[in-house]
C-alpha atoms as a PDB file:
ATOM      1  CA  MET A   1      51.208 102.973  26.652  1.00  0.00           C
ATOM      2  CA  SER A   2      53.388  99.799  26.313  1.00  0.00           C
ATOM      3  CA  SER A   3      56.282 101.860  24.936  1.00  0.00           C
ATOM      4  CA  LYS A   4      56.252 104.132  28.021  1.00  0.00           C
ATOM      5  CA  SER A   5      56.250 101.293  30.514  1.00  0.00           C
ATOM      6  CA  SER A   6      59.060  99.517  28.651  1.00  0.00           C
ATOM      7  CA  THR A   7      61.135 102.718  28.565  1.00  0.00           C
ATOM      8  CA  SER A   8      60.678 103.443  32.297  1.00  0.00           C
ATOM      9  CA  SER A   9      61.396  99.888  33.452  1.00  0.00           C
ATOM     10  CA  SER A  10      64.639  99.399  31.445  1.00  0.00           C
ATOM     11  CA  GLY A  11      67.686 100.771  33.177  1.00  0.00           C
ATOM     12  CA  GLY A  12      69.877 100.556  30.177  1.00  0.00           C
ATOM     13  CA  LYS A  13      73.640  99.980  30.135  1.00  0.00           C
ATOM     14  CA  ASP A  14      74.314 103.698  29.828  1.00  0.00           C
ATOM     15  CA  GLY A  15      73.168 104.142  33.498  1.00  0.00           C
ATOM     16  CA  SER A  16      70.293 106.456  32.507  1.00  0.00           C
ATOM     17  CA  SER A  17      67.719 104.795  34.730  1.00  0.00           C
ATOM     18  CA  ASN A  18      65.103 106.552  36.777  1.00  0.00           C
ATOM     19  CA  LYS A  19      66.620 108.404  39.780  1.00  0.00           C
ATOM     20  CA  ASN A  20      64.030 106.776  42.047  1.00  0.00           C
ATOM     21  CA  SER A  21      64.845 103.282  40.859  1.00  0.00           C
ATOM     22  CA  LYS A  22      66.420 100.902  43.446  1.00  0.00           C
ATOM     23  CA  LYS A  23      68.204  98.924  40.797  1.00  0.00           C
ATOM     24  CA  PRO A  24      72.061  99.010  41.193  1.00  0.00           C
ATOM     25  CA  GLN A  25      74.126 100.966  38.693  1.00  0.00           C
ATOM     26  CA  TYR A  26      75.275  98.809  35.843  1.00  0.00           C
ATOM     27  CA  SER A  27      78.857  97.812  35.715  1.00  0.00           C
ATOM     28  CA  ARG A  28      80.766  94.987  34.111  1.00  0.00           C
ATOM     29  CA  PHE A  29      82.089  93.920  37.542  1.00  0.00           C
ATOM     30  CA  SER A  30      78.608  93.630  39.204  1.00  0.00           C
ATOM     31  CA  GLN A  31      77.245  91.811  36.213  1.00  0.00           C
ATOM     32  CA  GLN A  32      80.268  89.477  36.103  1.00  0.00           C
ATOM     33  CA  GLU A  33      81.172  90.401  32.591  1.00  0.00           C
ATOM     34  CA  LEU A  34      84.906  90.885  33.204  1.00  0.00           C
ATOM     35  CA  PRO A  35      87.218  88.748  31.064  1.00  0.00           C
ATOM     36  CA  ALA A  36      88.168  85.592  32.970  1.00  0.00           C
ATOM     37  CA  TRP A  37      90.140  82.430  32.345  1.00  0.00           C
ATOM     38  CA  LYS A  38      88.140  79.370  33.210  1.00  0.00           C
ATOM     39  CA  PRO A  39      90.412  76.359  32.743  1.00  0.00           C
ATOM     40  CA  ILE A  40      88.802  72.906  32.125  1.00  0.00           C
ATOM     41  CA  LEU A  41      90.634  70.215  34.082  1.00  0.00           C
ATOM     42  CA  THR A  42      90.771  67.484  31.466  1.00  0.00           C
ATOM     43  CA  PRO A  43      92.436  64.202  32.361  1.00  0.00           C
ATOM     44  CA  GLY A  44      95.401  65.118  30.175  1.00  0.00           C
ATOM     45  CA  TRP A  45      95.966  68.392  32.041  1.00  0.00           C
ATOM     46  CA  VAL A  46      95.642  66.835  35.486  1.00  0.00           C
ATOM     47  CA  ILE A  47      97.931  63.930  34.749  1.00  0.00           C
ATOM     48  CA  SER A  48     100.540  66.183  33.076  1.00  0.00           C
ATOM     49  CA  SER A  49     100.497  68.599  36.066  1.00  0.00           C
ATOM     50  CA  PHE A  50     101.069  65.728  38.540  1.00  0.00           C
ATOM     51  CA  ILE A  51     103.970  64.323  36.396  1.00  0.00           C
ATOM     52  CA  ALA A  52     105.553  67.741  36.110  1.00  0.00           C
ATOM     53  CA  VAL A  53     105.491  68.276  39.867  1.00  0.00           C
ATOM     54  CA  GLY A  54     106.981  64.869  40.466  1.00  0.00           C
ATOM     55  CA  ILE A  55     109.719  65.350  37.896  1.00  0.00           C
ATOM     56  CA  ILE A  56     110.721  68.730  39.376  1.00  0.00           C
ATOM     57  CA  PHE A  57     110.335  67.948  43.094  1.00  0.00           C
ATOM     58  CA  ILE A  58     112.027  64.572  43.257  1.00  0.00           C
ATOM     59  CA  PRO A  59     115.426  65.768  41.868  1.00  0.00           C
ATOM     60  CA  LEU A  60     115.185  68.947  44.115  1.00  0.00           C
ATOM     61  CA  GLY A  61     114.612  66.642  47.106  1.00  0.00           C
ATOM     62  CA  LEU A  62     117.654  64.461  46.197  1.00  0.00           C
ATOM     63  CA  ILE A  63     119.826  67.574  45.734  1.00  0.00           C
ATOM     64  CA  SER A  64     118.780  69.044  49.039  1.00  0.00           C
ATOM     65  CA  LEU A  65     119.426  65.797  50.897  1.00  0.00           C
ATOM     66  CA  SER A  66     122.827  65.524  49.258  1.00  0.00           C
ATOM     67  CA  ALA A  67     123.679  69.066  50.322  1.00  0.00           C
ATOM     68  CA  SER A  68     122.482  68.368  53.883  1.00  0.00           C
ATOM     69  CA  LYS A  69     124.585  65.163  54.022  1.00  0.00           C
ATOM     70  CA  ARG A  70     127.725  67.175  53.228  1.00  0.00           C
ATOM     71  CA  VAL A  71     127.280  69.267  56.339  1.00  0.00           C
ATOM     72  CA  VAL A  72     129.600  68.057  59.160  1.00  0.00           C
ATOM     73  CA  GLU A  73     128.097  68.669  62.538  1.00  0.00           C
ATOM     74  CA  ILE A  74     129.240  67.935  66.054  1.00  0.00           C
ATOM     75  CA  MET A  75     126.810  68.145  68.947  1.00  0.00           C
ATOM     76  CA  ASP A  76     127.508  67.765  72.646  1.00  0.00           C
ATOM     77  CA  ARG A  77     125.059  68.061  75.520  1.00  0.00           C
ATOM     78  CA  TYR A  78     126.979  69.323  78.507  1.00  0.00           C
ATOM     79  CA  ASP A  79     124.501  70.562  81.051  1.00  0.00           C
ATOM     80  CA  GLN A  80     124.553  67.260  82.973  1.00  0.00           C
ATOM     81  CA  GLU A  81     128.212  66.380  82.516  1.00  0.00           C
ATOM     82  CA  CYS A  82     129.354  69.828  83.708  1.00  0.00           C
ATOM     83  CA  VAL A  83     127.794  69.406  87.129  1.00  0.00           C
ATOM     84  CA  PRO A  84     130.185  67.905  89.710  1.00  0.00           C
ATOM     85  CA  SER A  85     129.308  64.429  91.015  1.00  0.00           C
ATOM     86  CA  THR A  86     128.623  65.826  94.459  1.00  0.00           C
ATOM     87  CA  TYR A  87     125.795  67.934  93.034  1.00  0.00           C
ATOM     88  CA  ARG A  88     124.324  65.545  90.403  1.00  0.00           C
ATOM     89  CA  ASP A  89     121.124  65.072  92.382  1.00  0.00           C
ATOM     90  CA  ARG A  90     120.803  68.897  93.047  1.00  0.00           C
ATOM     91  CA  PRO A  91     122.161  70.795  90.057  1.00  0.00           C
ATOM     92  CA  LEU A  92     120.090  73.872  90.814  1.00  0.00           C
ATOM     93  CA  THR A  93     121.987  74.321  94.085  1.00  0.00           C
ATOM     94  CA  PHE A  94     125.265  74.150  92.215  1.00  0.00           C
ATOM     95  CA  ILE A  95     124.416  76.696  89.498  1.00  0.00           C
ATOM     96  CA  GLN A  96     123.092  79.166  92.093  1.00  0.00           C
ATOM     97  CA  GLN A  97     126.219  79.196  94.223  1.00  0.00           C
ATOM     98  CA  ASN A  98     128.699  81.863  93.248  1.00  0.00           C
ATOM     99  CA  ASP A  99     131.706  80.480  95.031  1.00  0.00           C
ATOM    100  CA  ASP A 100     131.818  77.187  93.191  1.00  0.00           C
ATOM    101  CA  ASN A 101     134.080  76.706  90.067  1.00  0.00           C
ATOM    102  CA  LYS A 102     131.793  76.448  87.025  1.00  0.00           C
ATOM    103  CA  THR A 103     134.502  75.463  84.543  1.00  0.00           C
ATOM    104  CA  CYS A 104     134.455  72.052  82.921  1.00  0.00           C
ATOM    105  CA  THR A 105     136.299  70.531  79.981  1.00  0.00           C
ATOM    106  CA  ARG A 106     134.804  68.535  77.194  1.00  0.00           C
ATOM    107  CA  MET A 107     136.557  66.718  74.285  1.00  0.00           C
ATOM    108  CA  LEU A 108     134.991  66.671  70.838  1.00  0.00           C
ATOM    109  CA  THR A 109     136.278  64.332  68.143  1.00  0.00           C
ATOM    110  CA  VAL A 110     136.075  65.526  64.543  1.00  0.00           C
ATOM    111  CA  ARG A 111     134.772  62.714  62.318  1.00  0.00           C
ATOM    112  CA  GLU A 112     135.400  64.381  58.949  1.00  0.00           C
ATOM    113  CA  GLN A 113     137.319  67.376  57.836  1.00  0.00           C
ATOM    114  CA  MET A 114     135.530  70.651  58.640  1.00  0.00           C
ATOM    115  CA  LYS A 115     136.412  73.511  56.424  1.00  0.00           C
ATOM    116  CA  ALA A 116     136.271  77.069  57.656  1.00  0.00           C
ATOM    117  CA  PRO A 117     134.122  78.952  58.538  1.00  0.00           C
ATOM    118  CA  ILE A 118     132.911  76.613  61.255  1.00  0.00           C
ATOM    119  CA  TYR A 119     129.894  77.959  62.939  1.00  0.00           C
ATOM    120  CA  VAL A 120     129.602  77.636  66.809  1.00  0.00           C
ATOM    121  CA  TYR A 121     126.094  77.451  68.185  1.00  0.00           C
ATOM    122  CA  TYR A 122     124.611  77.049  71.589  1.00  0.00           C
ATOM    123  CA  GLU A 123     121.329  75.142  71.654  1.00  0.00           C
ATOM    124  CA  LEU A 124     118.580  75.430  74.303  1.00  0.00           C
ATOM    125  CA  ASP A 125     115.603  73.163  74.909  1.00  0.00           C
ATOM    126  CA  ASN A 126     112.374  74.055  76.782  1.00  0.00           C
ATOM    127  CA  PHE A 127     113.137  77.805  76.747  1.00  0.00           C
ATOM    128  CA  TYR A 128     110.032  79.760  75.655  1.00  0.00           C
ATOM    129  CA  GLN A 129     111.397  82.932  74.106  1.00  0.00           C
ATOM    130  CA  ASN A 130     108.041  83.316  72.306  1.00  0.00           C
ATOM    131  CA  HIS A 131     106.108  84.008  75.578  1.00  0.00           C
ATOM    132  CA  ARG A 132     104.041  87.194  75.106  1.00  0.00           C
ATOM    133  CA  ARG A 133     105.240  88.932  78.211  1.00  0.00           C
ATOM    134  CA  TYR A 134     108.881  87.940  77.578  1.00  0.00           C
ATOM    135  CA  VAL A 135     108.750  89.257  73.925  1.00  0.00           C
ATOM    136  CA  LYS A 136     107.298  92.579  75.017  1.00  0.00           C
ATOM    137  CA  SER A 137     109.812  93.090  77.817  1.00  0.00           C
ATOM    138  CA  LYS A 138     112.176  95.606  76.122  1.00  0.00           C
ATOM    139  CA  ASN A 139     112.192  99.161  74.911  1.00  0.00           C
ATOM    140  CA  ASP A 140     113.107  99.741  71.253  1.00  0.00           C
ATOM    141  CA  HIS A 141     113.843 103.461  71.717  1.00  0.00           C
ATOM    142  CA  GLN A 142     116.359 102.646  74.372  1.00  0.00           C
ATOM    143  CA  LEU A 143     118.045 100.104  72.138  1.00  0.00           C
ATOM    144  CA  ARG A 144     118.087 102.332  69.095  1.00  0.00           C
ATOM    145  CA  SER A 145     119.548 105.495  70.418  1.00  0.00           C
ATOM    146  CA  LYS A 146     121.529 106.792  73.421  1.00  0.00           C
ATOM    147  CA  ALA A 147     119.034 109.651  73.596  1.00  0.00           C
ATOM    148  CA  GLY A 148     116.344 107.186  74.632  1.00  0.00           C
ATOM    149  CA  GLU A 149     118.290 105.333  77.347  1.00  0.00           C
ATOM    150  CA  ASP A 150     116.037 106.739  80.113  1.00  0.00           C
ATOM    151  CA  GLN A 151     112.939 105.108  78.567  1.00  0.00           C
ATOM    152  CA  THR A 152     111.822 101.882  80.286  1.00  0.00           C
ATOM    153  CA  GLY A 153     108.309 101.346  78.964  1.00  0.00           C
ATOM    154  CA  ASP A 154     107.276  97.645  78.937  1.00  0.00           C
ATOM    155  CA  CYS A 155     110.544  96.673  80.652  1.00  0.00           C
ATOM    156  CA  GLU A 156     109.070  95.625  84.054  1.00  0.00           C
ATOM    157  CA  PRO A 157     110.186  93.963  86.173  1.00  0.00           C
ATOM    158  CA  GLU A 158     113.726  94.569  84.857  1.00  0.00           C
ATOM    159  CA  ASP A 159     113.389  98.341  84.400  1.00  0.00           C
ATOM    160  CA  LYS A 160     115.141  99.909  87.393  1.00  0.00           C
ATOM    161  CA  THR A 161     117.529  98.943  90.161  1.00  0.00           C
ATOM    162  CA  ASN A 162     118.186 101.161  93.185  1.00  0.00           C
ATOM    163  CA  ASP A 163     116.155 103.852  91.380  1.00  0.00           C
ATOM    164  CA  LYS A 164     118.581 103.806  88.438  1.00  0.00           C
ATOM    165  CA  VAL A 165     117.487 103.000  84.925  1.00  0.00           C
ATOM    166  CA  ILE A 166     118.750  99.653  83.633  1.00  0.00           C
ATOM    167  CA  VAL A 167     120.355  99.897  80.155  1.00  0.00           C
ATOM    168  CA  PRO A 168     119.355  97.684  78.361  1.00  0.00           C
ATOM    169  CA  CYS A 169     116.189  96.941  80.348  1.00  0.00           C
ATOM    170  CA  GLY A 170     113.729  94.091  80.028  1.00  0.00           C
ATOM    171  CA  LEU A 171     113.540  90.367  80.540  1.00  0.00           C
ATOM    172  CA  ILE A 172     115.088  89.531  77.135  1.00  0.00           C
ATOM    173  CA  ALA A 173     118.373  91.326  77.791  1.00  0.00           C
ATOM    174  CA  TRP A 174     118.568  90.146  81.389  1.00  0.00           C
ATOM    175  CA  SER A 175     118.195  86.519  80.524  1.00  0.00           C
ATOM    176  CA  LEU A 176     121.153  86.725  78.154  1.00  0.00           C
ATOM    177  CA  PHE A 177     122.931  83.473  77.614  1.00  0.00           C
ATOM    178  CA  ASN A 178     126.269  83.727  79.454  1.00  0.00           C
ATOM    179  CA  ASP A 179     128.005  80.374  79.085  1.00  0.00           C
ATOM    180  CA  THR A 180     131.406  80.841  77.439  1.00  0.00           C
ATOM    181  CA  TYR A 181     133.495  78.410  75.257  1.00  0.00           C
ATOM    182  CA  SER A 182     137.283  78.324  74.638  1.00  0.00           C
ATOM    183  CA  PHE A 183     138.607  75.913  72.056  1.00  0.00           C
ATOM    184  CA  SER A 184     142.011  74.320  71.508  1.00  0.00           C
ATOM    185  CA  VAL A 185     143.482  71.634  69.239  1.00  0.00           C
ATOM    186  CA  LYS A 186     146.865  69.985  69.826  1.00  0.00           C
ATOM    187  CA  ASN A 187     147.487  72.481  72.664  1.00  0.00           C
ATOM    188  CA  LYS A 188     146.970  75.420  70.301  1.00  0.00           C
ATOM    189  CA  SER A 189     144.223  77.902  71.076  1.00  0.00           C
ATOM    190  CA  ILE A 190     141.594  78.505  68.459  1.00  0.00           C
ATOM    191  CA  GLU A 191     139.991  81.935  68.238  1.00  0.00           C
ATOM    192  CA  VAL A 192     136.243  82.316  67.965  1.00  0.00           C
ATOM    193  CA  SER A 193     135.282  85.431  66.047  1.00  0.00           C
ATOM    194  CA  LYS A 194     132.074  87.232  67.046  1.00  0.00           C
ATOM    195  CA  LYS A 195     132.137  89.726  64.216  1.00  0.00           C
ATOM    196  CA  ASN A 196     129.089  89.769  61.826  1.00  0.00           C
ATOM    197  CA  ILE A 197     127.187  87.040  63.665  1.00  0.00           C
ATOM    198  CA  ALA A 198     124.077  89.216  63.978  1.00  0.00           C
ATOM    199  CA  TRP A 199     121.661  90.149  61.220  1.00  0.00           C
ATOM    200  CA  LYS A 200     122.689  93.255  59.284  1.00  0.00           C
ATOM    201  CA  SER A 201     119.241  94.695  59.533  1.00  0.00           C
ATOM    202  CA  ASP A 202     119.321  94.301  63.362  1.00  0.00           C
ATOM    203  CA  LYS A 203     122.598  96.127  63.673  1.00  0.00           C
ATOM    204  CA  LYS A 204     121.605  98.858  61.241  1.00  0.00           C
ATOM    205  CA  HIS A 205     118.012  99.558  62.283  1.00  0.00           C
ATOM    206  CA  LYS A 206     117.270  98.007  65.695  1.00  0.00           C
ATOM    207  CA  PHE A 207     120.451  98.872  67.595  1.00  0.00           C
ATOM    208  CA  GLY A 208     121.889 102.286  67.232  1.00  0.00           C
ATOM    209  CA  SER A 209     125.638 102.838  66.730  1.00  0.00           C
ATOM    210  CA  ASP A 210     125.721 105.377  69.569  1.00  0.00           C
ATOM    211  CA  CYS A 211     123.825 103.219  72.016  1.00  0.00           C
ATOM    212  CA  LEU A 212     126.260 102.477  74.851  1.00  0.00           C
ATOM    213  CA  SER A 213     125.075  99.908  77.318  1.00  0.00           C
ATOM    214  CA  LYS A 214     125.895 100.686  80.977  1.00  0.00           C
ATOM    215  CA  GLU A 215     125.626  97.037  81.851  1.00  0.00           C
ATOM    216  CA  PHE A 216     127.011  95.022  78.910  1.00  0.00           C
ATOM    217  CA  SER A 217     129.689  97.395  77.458  1.00  0.00           C
ATOM    218  CA  ASP A 218     129.506  98.554  73.760  1.00  0.00           C
ATOM    219  CA  TRP A 219     127.182  96.312  72.020  1.00  0.00           C
ATOM    220  CA  LYS A 220     128.100  97.138  68.481  1.00  0.00           C
ATOM    221  CA  SER A 221     131.863  96.361  68.644  1.00  0.00           C
ATOM    222  CA  GLU A 222     132.130  93.853  71.461  1.00  0.00           C
ATOM    223  CA  GLN A 223     128.931  91.997  72.051  1.00  0.00           C
ATOM    224  CA  GLU A 224     126.979  91.140  68.999  1.00  0.00           C
ATOM    225  CA  ASP A 225     125.849  88.072  70.883  1.00  0.00           C
ATOM    226  CA  LEU A 226     123.470  90.313  72.753  1.00  0.00           C
ATOM    227  CA  ILE A 227     121.944  91.397  69.467  1.00  0.00           C
ATOM    228  CA  VAL A 228     121.632  87.698  68.446  1.00  0.00           C
ATOM    229  CA  TRP A 229     119.943  86.848  71.736  1.00  0.00           C
ATOM    230  CA  MET A 230     117.543  89.780  71.457  1.00  0.00           C
ATOM    231  CA  ARG A 231     116.104  88.276  68.213  1.00  0.00           C
ATOM    232  CA  THR A 232     113.723  85.963  69.991  1.00  0.00           C
ATOM    233  CA  ALA A 233     113.112  82.391  68.786  1.00  0.00           C
ATOM    234  CA  ALA A 234     109.731  81.223  67.638  1.00  0.00           C
ATOM    235  CA  LEU A 235     109.972  77.721  69.123  1.00  0.00           C
ATOM    236  CA  PRO A 236     110.995  76.444  72.583  1.00  0.00           C
ATOM    237  CA  ASN A 237     113.898  74.415  71.202  1.00  0.00           C
ATOM    238  CA  PHE A 238     116.313  76.681  69.307  1.00  0.00           C
ATOM    239  CA  ARG A 239     119.968  77.346  68.574  1.00  0.00           C
ATOM    240  CA  LYS A 240     121.728  80.646  68.283  1.00  0.00           C
ATOM    241  CA  LEU A 241     125.021  81.615  66.774  1.00  0.00           C
ATOM    242  CA  TYR A 242     127.850  82.028  69.302  1.00  0.00           C
ATOM    243  CA  GLY A 243     130.685  82.747  66.867  1.00  0.00           C
ATOM    244  CA  LYS A 244     132.781  81.434  63.979  1.00  0.00           C
ATOM    245  CA  ILE A 245     136.012  79.504  63.881  1.00  0.00           C
ATOM    246  CA  GLU A 246     138.103  80.631  60.845  1.00  0.00           C
ATOM    247  CA  VAL A 247     140.496  77.706  60.599  1.00  0.00           C
ATOM    248  CA  ASP A 248     139.953  74.177  59.273  1.00  0.00           C
ATOM    249  CA  LEU A 249     139.602  71.168  61.524  1.00  0.00           C
ATOM    250  CA  GLU A 250     141.003  67.899  60.218  1.00  0.00           C
ATOM    251  CA  ALA A 251     139.510  64.442  60.579  1.00  0.00           C
ATOM    252  CA  ASN A 252     140.255  62.726  63.862  1.00  0.00           C
ATOM    253  CA  ASP A 253     141.301  65.957  65.567  1.00  0.00           C
ATOM    254  CA  ASN A 254     140.432  66.204  69.205  1.00  0.00           C
ATOM    255  CA  VAL A 255     138.955  69.557  70.109  1.00  0.00           C
ATOM    256  CA  HIS A 256     139.269  70.497  73.726  1.00  0.00           C
ATOM    257  CA  VAL A 257     136.512  72.797  74.884  1.00  0.00           C
ATOM    258  CA  GLU A 258     136.681  74.656  78.183  1.00  0.00           C
ATOM    259  CA  ILE A 259     133.190  75.615  79.234  1.00  0.00           C
ATOM    260  CA  GLU A 260     132.011  78.125  81.801  1.00  0.00           C
ATOM    261  CA  ASN A 261     128.794  76.608  82.851  1.00  0.00           C
ATOM    262  CA  ASN A 262     127.002  79.740  84.128  1.00  0.00           C
ATOM    263  CA  TYR A 263     123.557  79.660  82.501  1.00  0.00           C
ATOM    264  CA  ASN A 264     120.719  78.231  84.676  1.00  0.00           C
ATOM    265  CA  THR A 265     118.635  75.895  82.652  1.00  0.00           C
ATOM    266  CA  TYR A 266     118.069  73.553  85.651  1.00  0.00           C
ATOM    267  CA  SER A 267     115.267  75.607  87.220  1.00  0.00           C
ATOM    268  CA  PHE A 268     112.992  75.002  84.212  1.00  0.00           C
ATOM    269  CA  GLY A 269     114.114  71.584  83.066  1.00  0.00           C
ATOM    270  CA  GLY A 270     116.029  72.865  80.088  1.00  0.00           C
ATOM    271  CA  LYS A 271     118.965  71.341  78.169  1.00  0.00           C
ATOM    272  CA  LYS A 272     122.155  72.905  76.814  1.00  0.00           C
ATOM    273  CA  ARG A 273     124.174  71.768  73.846  1.00  0.00           C
ATOM    274  CA  LEU A 274     127.274  73.010  72.032  1.00  0.00           C
ATOM    275  CA  VAL A 275     127.179  72.594  68.260  1.00  0.00           C
ATOM    276  CA  LEU A 276     129.967  72.890  65.690  1.00  0.00           C
ATOM    277  CA  SER A 277     128.686  72.904  62.128  1.00  0.00           C
ATOM    278  CA  THR A 278     129.804  73.628  58.595  1.00  0.00           C
ATOM    279  CA  THR A 279     127.374  74.926  55.970  1.00  0.00           C
ATOM    280  CA  THR A 280     126.624  74.358  52.278  1.00  0.00           C
ATOM    281  CA  TRP A 281     124.464  76.301  49.808  1.00  0.00           C
ATOM    282  CA  ILE A 282     121.386  75.094  51.568  1.00  0.00           C
ATOM    283  CA  GLY A 283     122.587  76.310  54.965  1.00  0.00           C
ATOM    284  CA  GLY A 284     123.143  74.058  57.991  1.00  0.00           C
ATOM    285  CA  LYS A 285     122.184  70.406  58.431  1.00  0.00           C
ATOM    286  CA  ASN A 286     118.425  70.043  57.755  1.00  0.00           C
ATOM    287  CA  ASP A 287     116.981  66.904  56.123  1.00  0.00           C
ATOM    288  CA  PHE A 288     113.372  68.163  56.380  1.00  0.00           C
ATOM    289  CA  LEU A 289     113.393  70.197  53.165  1.00  0.00           C
ATOM    290  CA  GLY A 290     114.725  67.237  51.163  1.00  0.00           C
ATOM    291  CA  HIS A 291     112.202  64.829  52.660  1.00  0.00           C
ATOM    292  CA  ALA A 292     109.366  67.271  52.017  1.00  0.00           C
ATOM    293  CA  TYR A 293     110.328  67.641  48.357  1.00  0.00           C
ATOM    294  CA  LEU A 294     110.589  63.823  47.996  1.00  0.00           C
ATOM    295  CA  ALA A 295     107.208  63.262  49.654  1.00  0.00           C
ATOM    296  CA  ILE A 296     105.359  65.781  47.509  1.00  0.00           C
ATOM    297  CA  GLY A 297     107.079  64.600  44.329  1.00  0.00           C
ATOM    298  CA  GLY A 298     106.360  60.941  45.163  1.00  0.00           C
ATOM    299  CA  MET A 299     102.726  61.579  45.945  1.00  0.00           C
ATOM    300  CA  SER A 300     102.332  63.522  42.680  1.00  0.00           C
ATOM    301  CA  LEU A 301     103.752  60.616  40.613  1.00  0.00           C
ATOM    302  CA  PHE A 302     101.539  58.202  42.543  1.00  0.00           C
ATOM    303  CA  PHE A 303      98.386  60.162  41.721  1.00  0.00           C
ATOM    304  CA  ALA A 304      99.533  60.576  38.089  1.00  0.00           C
ATOM    305  CA  ILE A 305      99.928  56.756  37.710  1.00  0.00           C
ATOM    306  CA  ALA A 306      96.589  56.172  39.527  1.00  0.00           C
ATOM    307  CA  PHE A 307      94.698  58.581  37.199  1.00  0.00           C
ATOM    308  CA  ILE A 308      96.343  57.048  34.123  1.00  0.00           C
ATOM    309  CA  LEU A 309      95.194  53.534  35.159  1.00  0.00           C
ATOM    310  CA  LEU A 310      91.698  54.859  35.968  1.00  0.00           C
ATOM    311  CA  TYR A 311      91.515  56.621  32.582  1.00  0.00           C
ATOM    312  CA  VAL A 312      92.709  53.486  30.748  1.00  0.00           C
ATOM    313  CA  ILE A 313      90.685  50.886  32.659  1.00  0.00           C
ATOM    314  CA  LYS A 314      87.467  52.835  33.045  1.00  0.00           C
ATOM    315  CA  PRO A 315      87.319  55.785  30.604  1.00  0.00           C
ATOM    316  CA  ARG A 316      84.376  58.001  30.132  1.00  0.00           C
ATOM    317  CA  PRO A 317      83.582  60.842  27.688  1.00  0.00           C
ATOM    318  CA  LEU A 318      84.455  64.370  28.916  1.00  0.00           C
ATOM    319  CA  GLY A 319      81.302  66.225  29.995  1.00  0.00           C
ATOM    320  CA  ASP A 320      79.024  63.152  29.704  1.00  0.00           C
ATOM    321  CA  PRO A 321      75.565  64.400  31.019  1.00  0.00           C
ATOM    322  CA  SER A 322      74.560  60.860  31.967  1.00  0.00           C
ATOM    323  CA  TYR A 323      76.661  61.286  35.175  1.00  0.00           C
ATOM    324  CA  LEU A 324      74.603  64.221  36.423  1.00  0.00           C
ATOM    325  CA  SER A 325      72.744  63.564  39.670  1.00  0.00           C
ATOM    326  CA  TRP A 326      69.277  64.016  38.172  1.00  0.00           C
ATOM    327  CA  ASN A 327      70.113  61.717  35.311  1.00  0.00           C
ATOM    328  CA  GLN A 328      71.420  59.101  37.677  1.00  0.00           C
ATOM    329  CA  ALA A 329      68.144  59.402  39.643  1.00  0.00           C
ATOM    330  CA  SER A 330      66.069  58.840  36.530  1.00  0.00           C
ATOM    331  CA  ARG A 331      68.099  55.776  35.603  1.00  0.00           C
ATOM    332  CA  ARG A 332      67.454  54.228  38.955  1.00  0.00           C
ATOM    333  CA  HIS A 333      63.713  54.684  38.480  1.00  0.00           C
END
């Protein structure tokens, strides 16, 4: 009698349990019998890990900061200075008038030698390209192929004009940055190249080679700046690549910049800046990465020293059961 009951109640690892049994099928996964690595964080391992992170991250931070310091960057905010004195208190009126001359001249002084290629950026503040409606306001089929130029889905309100399809349609394309810059040094004009300023993936996959814009000419060969603009920024303050200068600029050179101040940032309280910058292996000027490495490395060394002092001053055996909560309670009583 006892043997029958024991046989029927045992499921067995071979899965031959009673069909009416509600017990789950045996598996190594459900029974948590899979091989696993369960590291024990001993003081030696913890202290060694913190020291290793500090030793690696602090030199990386110093190297990153050194590379960032070698970047030569010139920045000039011109949205206020390029408004005539008669319109200083009403810049929006000035920018909206078509008959006024929007040209202004700025002079930039080169502090250190800038070796080619020198990247020319425009920087905008308080422009929310990440707004959901703004980001959606385009049609990828229209951008990718000439065969889809009649498609205007999601492009409202910039989809048609006088019952004709706008190509390219949408708010992104029709808010294209249209300030222009012309550079000269010692009365010699400097050419700004706009070739290969857009991402290769954008040119190859997002914008078709046969897509001819009725409004902005041939995008692929003449206006890569449109492709750059169509890659929306994640933050309200951003800079985008305008072009590249392929000649060196020497220290103390005075760069004369003729600016066509066309883009309206005055209606939303935005700012416009022109940026000239060189690059290093880390990219443009950015001290954040170096400071982040130094901060993490410094904190790791601090914790390593703190744990060493704690281990030396107040040591305790590893796995001492006297520190368990119920043993502590019994000690108090």
